[in-house]
Amino acid sequence: MNNILINILSICVLFFSCVQKKDNTFAESVDLDSLMSNKRDSSFIQQVQYLPLETNENSMIARLDVIKKQGNKIFILDKTLSTVFIFNDKGDFVSKINKKGRGPGEYLYLKDFFVSN
């Protein structure tokens, strides 16, 4: 009985010691110069601006699906999180819309959105 228990514990130790820790960091860089040098795109791209968005525990975007700008606000839909993030035109986080549920004022899934005055 002791040998069976020791064998099971040894297998468990080996199994859990072989698991690799995942690196959840992800960064993607885009070469804007190469994008702008494409002759096809230059007919409708007039200006490219880089706007760093504020990052804190409330403004972490998993996936950028839709971007809309209304006045001095930038709205970003993240379908993965079913959340619309709102930033000002300086990139500062303002708020987010994330009332997922089945109750009044809540939604089940966000596919798109529109902004009105």
PDB file of N, CA and C in Angstrom:
ATOM      1  N   MET A   1       0.822  -1.196   0.000  1.00  0.00           N
ATOM      2  CA  MET A   1       0.000   0.000   0.000  1.00  0.00           C
ATOM      3  C   MET A   1       0.865   1.259   0.000  1.00  0.00           C
ATOM      4  N   ASN A   2       1.934   1.222   0.793  1.00  0.00           N
ATOM      5  CA  ASN A   2       2.841   2.369   0.845  1.00  0.00           C
ATOM      6  C   ASN A   2       3.492   2.620  -0.505  1.00  0.00           C
ATOM      7  N   ASN A   3       3.872   1.562  -1.214  1.00  0.00           N
ATOM      8  CA  ASN A   3       4.515   1.703  -2.523  1.00  0.00           C
ATOM      9  C   ASN A   3       3.570   2.351  -3.537  1.00  0.00           C
ATOM     10  N   ILE A   4       2.303   1.993  -3.478  1.00  0.00           N
ATOM     11  CA  ILE A   4       1.320   2.588  -4.398  1.00  0.00           C
ATOM     12  C   ILE A   4       1.186   4.074  -4.123  1.00  0.00           C
ATOM     13  N   LEU A   5       1.106   4.443  -2.858  1.00  0.00           N
ATOM     14  CA  LEU A   5       0.974   5.852  -2.473  1.00  0.00           C
ATOM     15  C   LEU A   5       2.213   6.642  -2.885  1.00  0.00           C
ATOM     16  N   ILE A   6       3.388   6.078  -2.690  1.00  0.00           N
ATOM     17  CA  ILE A   6       4.637   6.748  -3.074  1.00  0.00           C
ATOM     18  C   ILE A   6       4.706   6.916  -4.592  1.00  0.00           C
ATOM     19  N   ASN A   7       4.292   5.903  -5.329  1.00  0.00           N
ATOM     20  CA  ASN A   7       4.284   5.985  -6.791  1.00  0.00           C
ATOM     21  C   ASN A   7       3.322   7.062  -7.288  1.00  0.00           C
ATOM     22  N   ILE A   8       2.149   7.124  -6.696  1.00  0.00           N
ATOM     23  CA  ILE A   8       1.162   8.147  -7.098  1.00  0.00           C
ATOM     24  C   ILE A   8       1.682   9.543  -6.792  1.00  0.00           C
ATOM     25  N   LEU A   9       2.264   9.734  -5.620  1.00  0.00           N
ATOM     26  CA  LEU A   9       2.836  11.037  -5.258  1.00  0.00           C
ATOM     27  C   LEU A   9       3.993  11.407  -6.186  1.00  0.00           C
ATOM     28  N   SER A  10       4.817  10.430  -6.537  1.00  0.00           N
ATOM     29  CA  SER A  10       5.938  10.697  -7.448  1.00  0.00           C
ATOM     30  C   SER A  10       5.439  11.133  -8.819  1.00  0.00           C
ATOM     31  N   ILE A  11       4.410  10.472  -9.316  1.00  0.00           N
ATOM     32  CA  ILE A  11       3.836  10.839 -10.616  1.00  0.00           C
ATOM     33  C   ILE A  11       3.248  12.245 -10.561  1.00  0.00           C
ATOM     34  N   CYS A  12       2.540  12.562  -9.471  1.00  0.00           N
ATOM     35  CA  CYS A  12       1.971  13.914  -9.312  1.00  0.00           C
ATOM     36  C   CYS A  12       3.064  14.979  -9.285  1.00  0.00           C
ATOM     37  N   VAL A  13       4.125  14.725  -8.547  1.00  0.00           N
ATOM     38  CA  VAL A  13       5.236  15.682  -8.470  1.00  0.00           C
ATOM     39  C   VAL A  13       5.861  15.883  -9.849  1.00  0.00           C
ATOM     40  N   LEU A  14       6.092  14.799 -10.573  1.00  0.00           N
ATOM     41  CA  LEU A  14       6.657  14.903 -11.917  1.00  0.00           C
ATOM     42  C   LEU A  14       5.721  15.655 -12.857  1.00  0.00           C
ATOM     43  N   PHE A  15       4.445  15.371 -12.774  1.00  0.00           N
ATOM     44  CA  PHE A  15       3.469  16.013 -13.654  1.00  0.00           C
ATOM     45  C   PHE A  15       3.424  17.516 -13.419  1.00  0.00           C
ATOM     46  N   PHE A  16       3.309  17.923 -12.160  1.00  0.00           N
ATOM     47  CA  PHE A  16       3.182  19.346 -11.870  1.00  0.00           C
ATOM     48  C   PHE A  16       4.497  20.110 -12.017  1.00  0.00           C
ATOM     49  N   SER A  17       5.617  19.433 -11.918  1.00  0.00           N
ATOM     50  CA  SER A  17       6.899  20.119 -12.082  1.00  0.00           C
ATOM     51  C   SER A  17       7.220  20.364 -13.552  1.00  0.00           C
ATOM     52  N   CYS A  18       6.566  19.666 -14.450  1.00  0.00           N
ATOM     53  CA  CYS A  18       6.827  19.819 -15.882  1.00  0.00           C
ATOM     54  C   CYS A  18       5.958  20.885 -16.536  1.00  0.00           C
ATOM     55  N   VAL A  19       5.041  21.454 -15.802  1.00  0.00           N
ATOM     56  CA  VAL A  19       4.155  22.475 -16.363  1.00  0.00           C
ATOM     57  C   VAL A  19       4.921  23.775 -16.491  1.00  0.00           C
ATOM     58  N   GLN A  20       4.881  24.378 -17.682  1.00  0.00           N
ATOM     59  CA  GLN A  20       5.568  25.644 -17.908  1.00  0.00           C
ATOM     60  C   GLN A  20       4.659  26.805 -17.542  1.00  0.00           C
ATOM     61  N   LYS A  21       5.251  27.826 -16.984  1.00  0.00           N
ATOM     62  CA  LYS A  21       4.500  29.029 -16.666  1.00  0.00           C
ATOM     63  C   LYS A  21       4.327  29.843 -17.942  1.00  0.00           C
ATOM     64  N   LYS A  22       3.083  30.286 -18.199  1.00  0.00           N
ATOM     65  CA  LYS A  22       2.810  31.047 -19.413  1.00  0.00           C
ATOM     66  C   LYS A  22       3.167  32.514 -19.215  1.00  0.00           C
ATOM     67  N   ASP A  23       3.701  33.104 -20.249  1.00  0.00           N
ATOM     68  CA  ASP A  23       3.993  34.529 -20.246  1.00  0.00           C
ATOM     69  C   ASP A  23       2.806  35.229 -20.890  1.00  0.00           C
ATOM     70  N   ASN A  24       2.040  35.978 -20.087  1.00  0.00           N
ATOM     71  CA  ASN A  24       0.829  36.623 -20.579  1.00  0.00           C
ATOM     72  C   ASN A  24       1.069  38.010 -21.153  1.00  0.00           C
ATOM     73  N   THR A  25       2.313  38.419 -21.279  1.00  0.00           N
ATOM     74  CA  THR A  25       2.585  39.730 -21.844  1.00  0.00           C
ATOM     75  C   THR A  25       2.511  39.645 -23.355  1.00  0.00           C
ATOM     76  N   PHE A  26       1.977  40.681 -23.961  1.00  0.00           N
ATOM     77  CA  PHE A  26       1.833  40.717 -25.413  1.00  0.00           C
ATOM     78  C   PHE A  26       2.025  42.154 -25.866  1.00  0.00           C
ATOM     79  N   ALA A  27       2.853  42.319 -26.832  1.00  0.00           N
ATOM     80  CA  ALA A  27       3.057  43.642 -27.409  1.00  0.00           C
ATOM     81  C   ALA A  27       3.161  43.483 -28.914  1.00  0.00           C
ATOM     82  N   GLU A  28       2.530  44.382 -29.612  1.00  0.00           N
ATOM     83  CA  GLU A  28       2.588  44.340 -31.066  1.00  0.00           C
ATOM     84  C   GLU A  28       3.061  45.699 -31.546  1.00  0.00           C
ATOM     85  N   SER A  29       4.042  45.681 -32.413  1.00  0.00           N
ATOM     86  CA  SER A  29       4.518  46.945 -32.960  1.00  0.00           C
ATOM     87  C   SER A  29       4.191  46.990 -34.444  1.00  0.00           C
ATOM     88  N   VAL A  30       3.899  48.185 -34.908  1.00  0.00           N
ATOM     89  CA  VAL A  30       3.542  48.390 -36.305  1.00  0.00           C
ATOM     90  C   VAL A  30       4.485  49.436 -36.882  1.00  0.00           C
ATOM     91  N   ASP A  31       5.078  49.130 -38.020  1.00  0.00           N
ATOM     92  CA  ASP A  31       5.952  50.074 -38.699  1.00  0.00           C
ATOM     93  C   ASP A  31       5.092  51.021 -39.529  1.00  0.00           C
ATOM     94  N   LEU A  32       4.815  52.200 -38.983  1.00  0.00           N
ATOM     95  CA  LEU A  32       3.935  53.155 -39.658  1.00  0.00           C
ATOM     96  C   LEU A  32       4.534  53.672 -40.955  1.00  0.00           C
ATOM     97  N   ASP A  33       5.855  53.792 -41.019  1.00  0.00           N
ATOM     98  CA  ASP A  33       6.493  54.275 -42.252  1.00  0.00           C
ATOM     99  C   ASP A  33       6.224  53.331 -43.420  1.00  0.00           C
ATOM    100  N   SER A  34       6.289  52.042 -43.157  1.00  0.00           N
ATOM    101  CA  SER A  34       6.035  51.095 -44.241  1.00  0.00           C
ATOM    102  C   SER A  34       4.559  51.112 -44.644  1.00  0.00           C
ATOM    103  N   LEU A  35       3.675  51.362 -43.689  1.00  0.00           N
ATOM    104  CA  LEU A  35       2.258  51.475 -44.036  1.00  0.00           C
ATOM    105  C   LEU A  35       1.995  52.697 -44.901  1.00  0.00           C
ATOM    106  N   MET A  36       2.624  53.802 -44.572  1.00  0.00           N
ATOM    107  CA  MET A  36       2.407  55.047 -45.313  1.00  0.00           C
ATOM    108  C   MET A  36       3.090  55.022 -46.668  1.00  0.00           C
ATOM    109  N   SER A  37       4.110  54.189 -46.842  1.00  0.00           N
ATOM    110  CA  SER A  37       4.819  54.143 -48.115  1.00  0.00           C
ATOM    111  C   SER A  37       4.047  53.356 -49.174  1.00  0.00           C
ATOM    112  N   ASN A  38       3.021  52.654 -48.757  1.00  0.00           N
ATOM    113  CA  ASN A  38       2.207  51.887 -49.697  1.00  0.00           C
ATOM    114  C   ASN A  38       1.413  52.871 -50.564  1.00  0.00           C
ATOM    115  N   LYS A  39       1.673  52.904 -51.841  1.00  0.00           N
ATOM    116  CA  LYS A  39       1.052  53.866 -52.764  1.00  0.00           C
ATOM    117  C   LYS A  39      -0.470  53.724 -52.801  1.00  0.00           C
ATOM    118  N   ARG A  40      -0.941  52.493 -52.678  1.00  0.00           N
ATOM    119  CA  ARG A  40      -2.374  52.249 -52.721  1.00  0.00           C
ATOM    120  C   ARG A  40      -3.104  52.975 -51.595  1.00  0.00           C
ATOM    121  N   ASP A  41      -2.522  52.964 -50.406  1.00  0.00           N
ATOM    122  CA  ASP A  41      -3.167  53.550 -49.237  1.00  0.00           C
ATOM    123  C   ASP A  41      -3.037  55.067 -49.181  1.00  0.00           C
ATOM    124  N   SER A  42      -2.057  55.631 -49.843  1.00  0.00           N
ATOM    125  CA  SER A  42      -1.802  57.059 -49.700  1.00  0.00           C
ATOM    126  C   SER A  42      -2.940  57.912 -50.263  1.00  0.00           C
ATOM    127  N   SER A  43      -3.827  57.347 -51.057  1.00  0.00           N
ATOM    128  CA  SER A  43      -4.928  58.138 -51.608  1.00  0.00           C
ATOM    129  C   SER A  43      -5.990  58.450 -50.560  1.00  0.00           C
ATOM    130  N   PHE A  44      -6.133  57.630 -49.540  1.00  0.00           N
ATOM    131  CA  PHE A  44      -7.147  57.919 -48.524  1.00  0.00           C
ATOM    132  C   PHE A  44      -6.574  58.148 -47.129  1.00  0.00           C
ATOM    133  N   ILE A  45      -5.301  57.922 -46.906  1.00  0.00           N
ATOM    134  CA  ILE A  45      -4.661  58.231 -45.626  1.00  0.00           C
ATOM    135  C   ILE A  45      -3.960  59.572 -45.770  1.00  0.00           C
ATOM    136  N   GLN A  46      -4.457  60.550 -45.040  1.00  0.00           N
ATOM    137  CA  GLN A  46      -3.867  61.882 -45.118  1.00  0.00           C
ATOM    138  C   GLN A  46      -2.907  62.158 -43.973  1.00  0.00           C
ATOM    139  N   GLN A  47      -3.199  61.557 -42.804  1.00  0.00           N
ATOM    140  CA  GLN A  47      -2.372  61.835 -41.639  1.00  0.00           C
ATOM    141  C   GLN A  47      -2.422  60.643 -40.694  1.00  0.00           C
ATOM    142  N   VAL A  48      -1.304  60.348 -40.076  1.00  0.00           N
ATOM    143  CA  VAL A  48      -1.231  59.298 -39.071  1.00  0.00           C
ATOM    144  C   VAL A  48      -0.778  59.938 -37.774  1.00  0.00           C
ATOM    145  N   GLN A  49      -1.525  59.658 -36.689  1.00  0.00           N
ATOM    146  CA  GLN A  49      -1.151  60.166 -35.376  1.00  0.00           C
ATOM    147  C   GLN A  49      -1.024  58.995 -34.421  1.00  0.00           C
ATOM    148  N   TYR A  50      -0.083  59.092 -33.533  1.00  0.00           N
ATOM    149  CA  TYR A  50       0.111  58.087 -32.502  1.00  0.00           C
ATOM    150  C   TYR A  50      -0.420  58.665 -31.202  1.00  0.00           C
ATOM    151  N   LEU A  51      -1.399  58.004 -30.593  1.00  0.00           N
ATOM    152  CA  LEU A  51      -1.994  58.475 -29.353  1.00  0.00           C
ATOM    153  C   LEU A  51      -1.879  57.379 -28.294  1.00  0.00           C
ATOM    154  N   PRO A  52      -0.931  57.495 -27.378  1.00  0.00           N
ATOM    155  CA  PRO A  52      -0.834  56.485 -26.319  1.00  0.00           C
ATOM    156  C   PRO A  52      -2.031  56.606 -25.381  1.00  0.00           C
ATOM    157  N   LEU A  53      -2.708  55.500 -25.135  1.00  0.00           N
ATOM    158  CA  LEU A  53      -3.865  55.490 -24.250  1.00  0.00           C
ATOM    159  C   LEU A  53      -3.423  55.175 -22.828  1.00  0.00           C
ATOM    160  N   GLU A  54      -4.070  55.829 -21.886  1.00  0.00           N
ATOM    161  CA  GLU A  54      -3.778  55.583 -20.473  1.00  0.00           C
ATOM    162  C   GLU A  54      -4.077  54.125 -20.142  1.00  0.00           C
ATOM    163  N   THR A  55      -3.165  53.513 -19.429  1.00  0.00           N
ATOM    164  CA  THR A  55      -3.380  52.135 -19.011  1.00  0.00           C
ATOM    165  C   THR A  55      -3.393  52.063 -17.501  1.00  0.00           C
ATOM    166  N   ASN A  56      -4.475  51.552 -16.972  1.00  0.00           N
ATOM    167  CA  ASN A  56      -4.601  51.267 -15.550  1.00  0.00           C
ATOM    168  C   ASN A  56      -5.494  50.034 -15.420  1.00  0.00           C
ATOM    169  N   GLU A  57      -5.818  49.638 -14.217  1.00  0.00           N
ATOM    170  CA  GLU A  57      -6.588  48.399 -14.035  1.00  0.00           C
ATOM    171  C   GLU A  57      -7.986  48.483 -14.638  1.00  0.00           C
ATOM    172  N   ASN A  58      -8.513  49.677 -14.877  1.00  0.00           N
ATOM    173  CA  ASN A  58      -9.852  49.834 -15.457  1.00  0.00           C
ATOM    174  C   ASN A  58      -9.843  49.992 -16.967  1.00  0.00           C
ATOM    175  N   SER A  59      -8.688  50.248 -17.559  1.00  0.00           N
ATOM    176  CA  SER A  59      -8.656  50.567 -18.989  1.00  0.00           C
ATOM    177  C   SER A  59      -7.849  49.566 -19.820  1.00  0.00           C
ATOM    178  N   MET A  60      -7.729  48.352 -19.368  1.00  0.00           N
ATOM    179  CA  MET A  60      -6.951  47.350 -20.091  1.00  0.00           C
ATOM    180  C   MET A  60      -7.816  46.708 -21.178  1.00  0.00           C
ATOM    181  N   ILE A  61      -7.458  46.953 -22.424  1.00  0.00           N
ATOM    182  CA  ILE A  61      -8.194  46.457 -23.573  1.00  0.00           C
ATOM    183  C   ILE A  61      -7.579  45.125 -24.010  1.00  0.00           C
ATOM    184  N   ALA A  62      -8.423  44.109 -24.169  1.00  0.00           N
ATOM    185  CA  ALA A  62      -7.928  42.802 -24.611  1.00  0.00           C
ATOM    186  C   ALA A  62      -7.839  42.749 -26.130  1.00  0.00           C
ATOM    187  N   ARG A  63      -8.836  43.307 -26.798  1.00  0.00           N
ATOM    188  CA  ARG A  63      -8.887  43.243 -28.260  1.00  0.00           C
ATOM    189  C   ARG A  63      -9.590  44.489 -28.773  1.00  0.00           C
ATOM    190  N   LEU A  64      -9.001  45.124 -29.743  1.00  0.00           N
ATOM    191  CA  LEU A  64      -9.555  46.343 -30.313  1.00  0.00           C
ATOM    192  C   LEU A  64     -10.385  45.967 -31.550  1.00  0.00           C
ATOM    193  N   ASP A  65     -11.718  46.071 -31.452  1.00  0.00           N
ATOM    194  CA  ASP A  65     -12.591  45.648 -32.542  1.00  0.00           C
ATOM    195  C   ASP A  65     -13.186  46.813 -33.318  1.00  0.00           C
ATOM    196  N   VAL A  66     -13.645  47.852 -32.627  1.00  0.00           N
ATOM    197  CA  VAL A  66     -14.272  49.009 -33.285  1.00  0.00           C
ATOM    198  C   VAL A  66     -13.788  50.271 -32.592  1.00  0.00           C
ATOM    199  N   ILE A  67     -13.427  51.290 -33.392  1.00  0.00           N
ATOM    200  CA  ILE A  67     -13.048  52.599 -32.849  1.00  0.00           C
ATOM    201  C   ILE A  67     -13.957  53.646 -33.468  1.00  0.00           C
ATOM    202  N   LYS A  68     -14.513  54.508 -32.636  1.00  0.00           N
ATOM    203  CA  LYS A  68     -15.317  55.626 -33.128  1.00  0.00           C
ATOM    204  C   LYS A  68     -14.925  56.867 -32.344  1.00  0.00           C
ATOM    205  N   LYS A  69     -14.950  58.007 -33.024  1.00  0.00           N
ATOM    206  CA  LYS A  69     -14.622  59.285 -32.381  1.00  0.00           C
ATOM    207  C   LYS A  69     -15.812  60.200 -32.499  1.00  0.00           C
ATOM    208  N   GLN A  70     -16.212  60.794 -31.394  1.00  0.00           N
ATOM    209  CA  GLN A  70     -17.325  61.745 -31.364  1.00  0.00           C
ATOM    210  C   GLN A  70     -16.877  62.922 -30.507  1.00  0.00           C
ATOM    211  N   GLY A  71     -16.745  64.082 -31.118  1.00  0.00           N
ATOM    212  CA  GLY A  71     -16.266  65.249 -30.384  1.00  0.00           C
ATOM    213  C   GLY A  71     -14.862  65.012 -29.881  1.00  0.00           C
ATOM    214  N   ASN A  72     -14.661  65.189 -28.585  1.00  0.00           N
ATOM    215  CA  ASN A  72     -13.324  64.972 -28.012  1.00  0.00           C
ATOM    216  C   ASN A  72     -13.206  63.624 -27.306  1.00  0.00           C
ATOM    217  N   LYS A  73     -14.109  62.702 -27.612  1.00  0.00           N
ATOM    218  CA  LYS A  73     -14.089  61.378 -26.998  1.00  0.00           C
ATOM    219  C   LYS A  73     -13.784  60.301 -28.039  1.00  0.00           C
ATOM    220  N   ILE A  74     -13.038  59.277 -27.615  1.00  0.00           N
ATOM    221  CA  ILE A  74     -12.712  58.123 -28.442  1.00  0.00           C
ATOM    222  C   ILE A  74     -13.349  56.902 -27.780  1.00  0.00           C
ATOM    223  N   PHE A  75     -14.139  56.162 -28.543  1.00  0.00           N
ATOM    224  CA  PHE A  75     -14.842  54.987 -28.048  1.00  0.00           C
ATOM    225  C   PHE A  75     -14.230  53.748 -28.689  1.00  0.00           C
ATOM    226  N   ILE A  76     -13.875  52.767 -27.874  1.00  0.00           N
ATOM    227  CA  ILE A  76     -13.244  51.546 -28.361  1.00  0.00           C
ATOM    228  C   ILE A  76     -14.047  50.353 -27.865  1.00  0.00           C
ATOM    229  N   LEU A  77     -14.516  49.539 -28.810  1.00  0.00           N
ATOM    230  CA  LEU A  77     -15.252  48.332 -28.464  1.00  0.00           C
ATOM    231  C   LEU A  77     -14.294  47.146 -28.394  1.00  0.00           C
ATOM    232  N   ASP A  78     -14.360  46.439 -27.292  1.00  0.00           N
ATOM    233  CA  ASP A  78     -13.623  45.201 -27.102  1.00  0.00           C
ATOM    234  C   ASP A  78     -14.666  44.091 -26.990  1.00  0.00           C
ATOM    235  N   LYS A  79     -14.841  43.311 -28.079  1.00  0.00           N
ATOM    236  CA  LYS A  79     -15.849  42.247 -28.083  1.00  0.00           C
ATOM    237  C   LYS A  79     -15.488  41.126 -27.115  1.00  0.00           C
ATOM    238  N   THR A  80     -14.209  40.887 -26.901  1.00  0.00           N
ATOM    239  CA  THR A  80     -13.784  39.829 -25.985  1.00  0.00           C
ATOM    240  C   THR A  80     -14.288  40.110 -24.572  1.00  0.00           C
ATOM    241  N   LEU A  81     -14.177  41.360 -24.142  1.00  0.00           N
ATOM    242  CA  LEU A  81     -14.624  41.746 -22.801  1.00  0.00           C
ATOM    243  C   LEU A  81     -16.060  42.266 -22.793  1.00  0.00           C
ATOM    244  N   SER A  82     -16.689  42.401 -23.973  1.00  0.00           N
ATOM    245  CA  SER A  82     -18.026  42.999 -24.102  1.00  0.00           C
ATOM    246  C   SER A  82     -18.064  44.352 -23.398  1.00  0.00           C
ATOM    247  N   THR A  83     -17.087  45.182 -23.723  1.00  0.00           N
ATOM    248  CA  THR A  83     -16.931  46.472 -23.054  1.00  0.00           C
ATOM    249  C   THR A  83     -16.614  47.551 -24.070  1.00  0.00           C
ATOM    250  N   VAL A  84     -17.183  48.748 -23.855  1.00  0.00           N
ATOM    251  CA  VAL A  84     -16.812  49.926 -24.628  1.00  0.00           C
ATOM    252  C   VAL A  84     -15.993  50.819 -23.704  1.00  0.00           C
ATOM    253  N   PHE A  85     -14.752  51.076 -24.089  1.00  0.00           N
ATOM    254  CA  PHE A  85     -13.867  51.946 -23.326  1.00  0.00           C
ATOM    255  C   PHE A  85     -13.958  53.353 -23.894  1.00  0.00           C
ATOM    256  N   ILE A  86     -13.951  54.358 -23.019  1.00  0.00           N
ATOM    257  CA  ILE A  86     -14.056  55.753 -23.448  1.00  0.00           C
ATOM    258  C   ILE A  86     -12.808  56.499 -22.980  1.00  0.00           C
ATOM    259  N   PHE A  87     -12.142  57.147 -23.934  1.00  0.00           N
ATOM    260  CA  PHE A  87     -10.952  57.950 -23.672  1.00  0.00           C
ATOM    261  C   PHE A  87     -11.208  59.359 -24.200  1.00  0.00           C
ATOM    262  N   ASN A  88     -10.499  60.344 -23.658  1.00  0.00           N
ATOM    263  CA  ASN A  88     -10.584  61.678 -24.249  1.00  0.00           C
ATOM    264  C   ASN A  88      -9.553  61.786 -25.368  1.00  0.00           C
ATOM    265  N   ASP A  89      -9.554  62.911 -26.066  1.00  0.00           N
ATOM    266  CA  ASP A  89      -8.671  63.051 -27.232  1.00  0.00           C
ATOM    267  C   ASP A  89      -7.189  63.186 -26.867  1.00  0.00           C
ATOM    268  N   LYS A  90      -6.876  63.204 -25.573  1.00  0.00           N
ATOM    269  CA  LYS A  90      -5.481  63.203 -25.125  1.00  0.00           C
ATOM    270  C   LYS A  90      -5.026  61.795 -24.736  1.00  0.00           C
ATOM    271  N   GLY A  91      -5.962  60.819 -24.792  1.00  0.00           N
ATOM    272  CA  GLY A  91      -5.636  59.448 -24.455  1.00  0.00           C
ATOM    273  C   GLY A  91      -5.911  59.077 -23.011  1.00  0.00           C
ATOM    274  N   ASP A  92      -6.486  60.016 -22.237  1.00  0.00           N
ATOM    275  CA  ASP A  92      -6.797  59.734 -20.838  1.00  0.00           C
ATOM    276  C   ASP A  92      -8.067  58.894 -20.734  1.00  0.00           C
ATOM    277  N   PHE A  93      -8.039  57.885 -19.872  1.00  0.00           N
ATOM    278  CA  PHE A  93      -9.205  57.037 -19.658  1.00  0.00           C
ATOM    279  C   PHE A  93     -10.294  57.834 -18.964  1.00  0.00           C
ATOM    280  N   VAL A  94     -11.514  57.785 -19.513  1.00  0.00           N
ATOM    281  CA  VAL A  94     -12.648  58.509 -18.940  1.00  0.00           C
ATOM    282  C   VAL A  94     -13.565  57.541 -18.200  1.00  0.00           C
ATOM    283  N   SER A  95     -14.054  56.524 -18.898  1.00  0.00           N
ATOM    284  CA  SER A  95     -14.939  55.533 -18.280  1.00  0.00           C
ATOM    285  C   SER A  95     -15.102  54.347 -19.216  1.00  0.00           C
ATOM    286  N   LYS A  96     -15.936  53.414 -18.807  1.00  0.00           N
ATOM    287  CA  LYS A  96     -16.233  52.274 -19.667  1.00  0.00           C
ATOM    288  C   LYS A  96     -17.684  51.862 -19.475  1.00  0.00           C
ATOM    289  N   ILE A  97     -18.213  51.229 -20.510  1.00  0.00           N
ATOM    290  CA  ILE A  97     -19.575  50.702 -20.470  1.00  0.00           C
ATOM    291  C   ILE A  97     -19.430  49.188 -20.462  1.00  0.00           C
ATOM    292  N   ASN A  98     -19.828  48.570 -19.371  1.00  0.00           N
ATOM    293  CA  ASN A  98     -19.693  47.120 -19.258  1.00  0.00           C
ATOM    294  C   ASN A  98     -20.754  46.554 -18.319  1.00  0.00           C
ATOM    295  N   LYS A  99     -21.987  46.666 -18.734  1.00  0.00           N
ATOM    296  CA  LYS A  99     -23.102  46.146 -17.931  1.00  0.00           C
ATOM    297  C   LYS A  99     -23.661  44.888 -18.579  1.00  0.00           C
ATOM    298  N   LYS A 100     -22.865  43.852 -18.563  1.00  0.00           N
ATOM    299  CA  LYS A 100     -23.280  42.587 -19.159  1.00  0.00           C
ATOM    300  C   LYS A 100     -24.216  41.871 -18.192  1.00  0.00           C
ATOM    301  N   GLY A 101     -25.332  41.398 -18.723  1.00  0.00           N
ATOM    302  CA  GLY A 101     -26.291  40.677 -17.888  1.00  0.00           C
ATOM    303  C   GLY A 101     -27.637  40.592 -18.572  1.00  0.00           C
ATOM    304  N   ARG A 102     -28.657  40.218 -17.814  1.00  0.00           N
ATOM    305  CA  ARG A 102     -30.001  40.054 -18.368  1.00  0.00           C
ATOM    306  C   ARG A 102     -30.997  41.037 -17.775  1.00  0.00           C
ATOM    307  N   GLY A 103     -30.540  41.959 -16.964  1.00  0.00           N
ATOM    308  CA  GLY A 103     -31.449  42.895 -16.305  1.00  0.00           C
ATOM    309  C   GLY A 103     -31.646  44.179 -17.094  1.00  0.00           C
ATOM    310  N   PRO A 104     -32.451  45.086 -16.556  1.00  0.00           N
ATOM    311  CA  PRO A 104     -32.690  46.382 -17.212  1.00  0.00           C
ATOM    312  C   PRO A 104     -31.387  47.170 -17.349  1.00  0.00           C
ATOM    313  N   GLY A 105     -31.169  47.731 -18.524  1.00  0.00           N
ATOM    314  CA  GLY A 105     -29.959  48.507 -18.778  1.00  0.00           C
ATOM    315  C   GLY A 105     -28.724  47.653 -19.008  1.00  0.00           C
ATOM    316  N   GLU A 106     -28.898  46.344 -19.122  1.00  0.00           N
ATOM    317  CA  GLU A 106     -27.771  45.441 -19.345  1.00  0.00           C
ATOM    318  C   GLU A 106     -27.884  44.814 -20.736  1.00  0.00           C
ATOM    319  N   TYR A 107     -26.823  44.196 -21.190  1.00  0.00           N
ATOM    320  CA  TYR A 107     -26.790  43.568 -22.508  1.00  0.00           C
ATOM    321  C   TYR A 107     -26.121  42.204 -22.399  1.00  0.00           C
ATOM    322  N   LEU A 108     -26.428  41.338 -23.369  1.00  0.00           N
ATOM    323  CA  LEU A 108     -25.835  39.999 -23.381  1.00  0.00           C
ATOM    324  C   LEU A 108     -24.523  39.982 -24.145  1.00  0.00           C
ATOM    325  N   TYR A 109     -24.478  40.705 -25.280  1.00  0.00           N
ATOM    326  CA  TYR A 109     -23.305  40.671 -26.142  1.00  0.00           C
ATOM    327  C   TYR A 109     -23.234  41.971 -26.928  1.00  0.00           C
ATOM    328  N   LEU A 110     -22.034  42.498 -27.110  1.00  0.00           N
ATOM    329  CA  LEU A 110     -21.838  43.708 -27.936  1.00  0.00           C
ATOM    330  C   LEU A 110     -21.194  43.322 -29.251  1.00  0.00           C
ATOM    331  N   LYS A 111     -21.848  43.663 -30.344  1.00  0.00           N
ATOM    332  CA  LYS A 111     -21.293  43.413 -31.671  1.00  0.00           C
ATOM    333  C   LYS A 111     -20.839  44.719 -32.300  1.00  0.00           C
ATOM    334  N   ASP A 112     -21.570  45.789 -32.054  1.00  0.00           N
ATOM    335  CA  ASP A 112     -21.269  47.118 -32.567  1.00  0.00           C
ATOM    336  C   ASP A 112     -21.979  48.124 -31.693  1.00  0.00           C
ATOM    337  N   PHE A 113     -21.740  49.385 -31.922  1.00  0.00           N
ATOM    338  CA  PHE A 113     -22.397  50.442 -31.163  1.00  0.00           C
ATOM    339  C   PHE A 113     -22.428  51.705 -31.983  1.00  0.00           C
ATOM    340  N   PHE A 114     -23.248  52.666 -31.575  1.00  0.00           N
ATOM    341  CA  PHE A 114     -23.226  53.976 -32.208  1.00  0.00           C
ATOM    342  C   PHE A 114     -23.231  55.022 -31.107  1.00  0.00           C
ATOM    343  N   VAL A 115     -22.746  56.191 -31.460  1.00  0.00           N
ATOM    344  CA  VAL A 115     -22.651  57.293 -30.505  1.00  0.00           C
ATOM    345  C   VAL A 115     -23.529  58.416 -31.003  1.00  0.00           C
ATOM    346  N   SER A 116     -24.382  58.909 -30.128  1.00  0.00           N
ATOM    347  CA  SER A 116     -25.209  60.053 -30.501  1.00  0.00           C
ATOM    348  C   SER A 116     -24.975  61.179 -29.505  1.00  0.00           C
ATOM    349  N   ASN A 117     -25.351  62.364 -29.893  1.00  0.00           N
ATOM    350  CA  ASN A 117     -25.165  63.519 -29.006  1.00  0.00           C
ATOM    351  C   ASN A 117     -26.048  63.393 -27.782  1.00  0.00           C
TER     352      ASN A 117
END
